[in-house]
Amino acid sequence: MYTGKTEKPCCLCERHDIDHRIDLPPRAIQQLKHGEAIAWQDVIGEVSLYFCEEDWETVCELVLETGMTPLPRCNAARASFDLREDFEAFTNRTKDVPDHQPIEERFWTDSQRILAGNTEYPPSDRELVQARVVTWALEDLEAPIARETAQQG
């Protein structure tokens, strides 16, 4: 059985004609609708959320104009991510839990750079939406990288 990342339908309305995607660190799964059923610690790499054109307009408005996160409205069952293999059951050995700190640091650094305007070209709406949602998610979930930055500031 393949448990890897696949393109999913819109995480809000389940339409299959998707037009936009944002990527998030695994910890953000906790903020998704029905996300409590997923062991985010077992996710390898980023989590992708897909949106149809109509819902993307709503998400942009919600994030860029209203200042609210769309994550609680996004169905975790429609998120795309890779889970580490469940080889413990096959080998009777325990595999190390993935270290999410590097991916969270990368997402945090990229998001802060975009929000500060430190980019070669003006950021797209997709980049701005992703940067804001990542920042809010890591701050709300008190990720180590967000706590470090808050303590330094």
Protein backbone atom coordinates (compact mmCIF):
# COMPACT_ATOMS: atom_id res chain seq x y z
CA MET A 1 0.00 0.00 0.00
CA TYR A 2 1.37 3.43 -0.97
CA THR A 3 1.04 5.97 1.82
CA GLY A 4 2.93 8.72 0.04
CA LYS A 5 1.88 12.19 -0.95
CA THR A 6 -0.76 12.53 -3.67
CA GLU A 7 -2.67 15.44 -5.13
CA LYS A 8 -5.99 15.76 -3.34
CA PRO A 9 -9.22 17.63 -4.04
CA CYS A 10 -9.96 21.06 -2.59
CA CYS A 11 -9.70 20.81 1.20
CA LEU A 12 -12.73 23.05 1.65
CA CYS A 13 -15.31 21.89 -0.90
CA GLU A 14 -13.79 18.61 -2.21
CA ARG A 15 -13.90 19.72 -5.88
CA HIS A 16 -11.30 17.96 -8.00
CA ASP A 17 -10.50 20.96 -10.22
CA ILE A 18 -7.79 22.45 -8.02
CA ASP A 19 -5.88 25.58 -8.96
CA HIS A 20 -3.77 26.53 -5.94
CA ARG A 21 -1.67 24.88 -3.25
CA ILE A 22 -0.02 25.97 -0.04
CA ASP A 23 2.54 23.95 1.89
CA LEU A 24 2.78 23.82 5.67
CA PRO A 25 5.00 22.21 8.31
CA PRO A 26 3.61 18.95 9.77
CA ARG A 27 2.78 20.56 13.13
CA ALA A 28 0.02 22.57 11.38
CA ILE A 29 -2.05 19.38 10.96
CA GLN A 30 -3.21 19.92 14.54
CA GLN A 31 -5.12 23.03 13.43
CA LEU A 32 -6.96 21.32 10.56
CA LYS A 33 -10.54 20.12 10.87
CA HIS A 34 -10.33 16.48 12.07
CA GLY A 35 -6.54 16.87 12.42
CA GLU A 36 -6.55 15.39 15.92
CA ALA A 37 -6.89 11.91 14.36
CA ILE A 38 -3.52 12.22 12.58
CA ALA A 39 -0.17 11.67 14.29
CA TRP A 40 1.59 14.74 12.88
CA GLN A 41 4.88 13.54 14.40
CA ASP A 42 4.88 10.69 11.84
CA VAL A 43 4.64 13.03 8.83
CA ILE A 44 7.73 13.26 6.67
CA GLY A 45 8.21 16.55 4.85
CA GLU A 46 5.60 19.21 4.26
CA VAL A 47 1.81 19.04 4.26
CA SER A 48 0.04 20.37 1.16
CA LEU A 49 -3.43 21.85 1.01
CA TYR A 50 -5.16 22.29 -2.35
CA PHE A 51 -7.87 24.81 -3.24
CA CYS A 52 -10.23 25.26 -6.18
CA GLU A 53 -10.35 28.70 -7.83
CA GLU A 54 -13.52 29.81 -6.02
CA ASP A 55 -12.29 28.76 -2.58
CA TRP A 56 -8.86 30.26 -3.26
CA GLU A 57 -10.46 33.69 -3.65
CA THR A 58 -12.16 33.20 -0.28
CA VAL A 59 -8.90 32.05 1.34
CA CYS A 60 -6.99 35.06 -0.02
CA GLU A 61 -9.67 37.40 1.27
CA LEU A 62 -9.76 35.68 4.66
CA VAL A 63 -5.96 35.75 5.11
CA LEU A 64 -4.86 38.93 3.35
CA GLU A 65 -7.80 41.22 4.15
CA THR A 66 -9.40 39.83 7.30
CA GLY A 67 -6.28 38.43 8.98
CA MET A 68 -7.79 35.03 9.79
CA THR A 69 -6.41 31.55 9.21
CA PRO A 70 -8.36 29.10 7.02
CA LEU A 71 -6.88 26.01 8.68
CA PRO A 72 -9.79 25.12 11.00
CA ARG A 73 -12.05 24.98 7.94
CA CYS A 74 -9.69 22.75 5.91
CA ASN A 75 -10.41 19.03 6.17
CA ALA A 76 -7.32 17.07 7.24
CA ALA A 77 -8.57 14.11 5.19
CA ARG A 78 -8.00 16.27 2.08
CA ALA A 79 -4.43 17.25 3.03
CA SER A 80 -1.57 15.58 1.19
CA PHE A 81 1.47 14.32 3.11
CA ASP A 82 3.83 11.36 3.51
CA LEU A 83 3.67 9.18 6.60
CA ARG A 84 6.73 7.29 7.79
CA GLU A 85 6.55 3.59 7.14
CA ASP A 86 4.95 1.44 9.77
CA PHE A 87 7.82 -1.01 9.72
CA GLU A 88 7.75 -1.40 13.48
CA ALA A 89 4.95 -3.91 12.95
CA PHE A 90 7.03 -5.83 10.39
CA THR A 91 10.46 -5.77 12.05
CA ASN A 92 9.58 -5.44 15.72
CA ARG A 93 11.99 -2.47 15.91
CA THR A 94 11.21 1.15 16.58
CA LYS A 95 12.22 3.75 14.03
CA ASP A 96 13.21 7.25 15.17
CA VAL A 97 10.47 9.85 14.97
CA PRO A 98 11.28 12.37 12.21
CA ASP A 99 12.95 15.59 13.40
CA HIS A 100 10.65 18.42 12.31
CA GLN A 101 12.89 21.24 13.49
CA PRO A 102 14.73 21.71 10.15
CA ILE A 103 11.52 21.89 8.12
CA GLU A 104 9.91 24.25 10.65
CA GLU A 105 13.01 26.46 10.56
CA ARG A 106 12.91 26.55 6.76
CA PHE A 107 9.20 27.41 6.69
CA TRP A 108 9.64 30.04 9.42
CA THR A 109 12.67 31.68 7.76
CA ASP A 110 11.02 31.76 4.32
CA SER A 111 7.80 33.15 5.79
CA GLN A 112 9.56 35.89 7.76
CA ARG A 113 11.61 36.86 4.69
CA ILE A 114 8.49 37.14 2.52
CA LEU A 115 6.51 39.09 5.12
CA ALA A 116 9.44 41.48 5.64
CA GLY A 117 9.62 42.12 1.89
CA ASN A 118 13.14 40.66 1.56
CA THR A 119 12.47 39.10 -1.85
CA GLU A 120 13.89 39.72 -5.28
CA TYR A 121 10.41 40.13 -6.78
CA PRO A 122 7.15 41.19 -5.15
CA PRO A 123 5.60 38.11 -3.52
CA SER A 124 2.55 36.52 -5.11
CA ASP A 125 -0.74 36.14 -3.25
CA ARG A 126 0.07 32.44 -2.82
CA GLU A 127 3.41 33.25 -1.19
CA LEU A 128 1.83 35.84 1.10
CA VAL A 129 -1.04 33.54 2.11
CA GLN A 130 1.35 30.66 2.80
CA ALA A 131 3.74 32.90 4.77
CA ARG A 132 0.99 34.27 6.99
CA VAL A 133 -0.67 30.90 7.58
CA VAL A 134 2.68 29.26 8.41
CA THR A 135 3.59 32.08 10.82
CA TRP A 136 0.22 31.96 12.57
CA ALA A 137 0.25 28.16 12.83
CA LEU A 138 3.76 27.95 14.28
CA GLU A 139 3.08 30.81 16.72
CA ASP A 140 -0.28 29.39 17.84
CA LEU A 141 1.16 25.91 18.33
CA GLU A 142 4.18 27.35 20.14
CA ALA A 143 6.68 25.67 17.86
CA PRO A 144 10.26 25.93 19.16
CA ILE A 145 11.35 28.24 16.31
CA ALA A 146 8.46 30.65 17.00
CA ARG A 147 9.22 30.68 20.73
CA GLU A 148 12.91 31.40 20.09
CA THR A 149 12.07 34.32 17.83
CA ALA A 150 9.56 35.74 20.33
CA GLN A 151 12.14 35.55 23.13
CA GLN A 152 14.77 37.31 21.02
CA GLY A 153 12.36 40.10 19.99
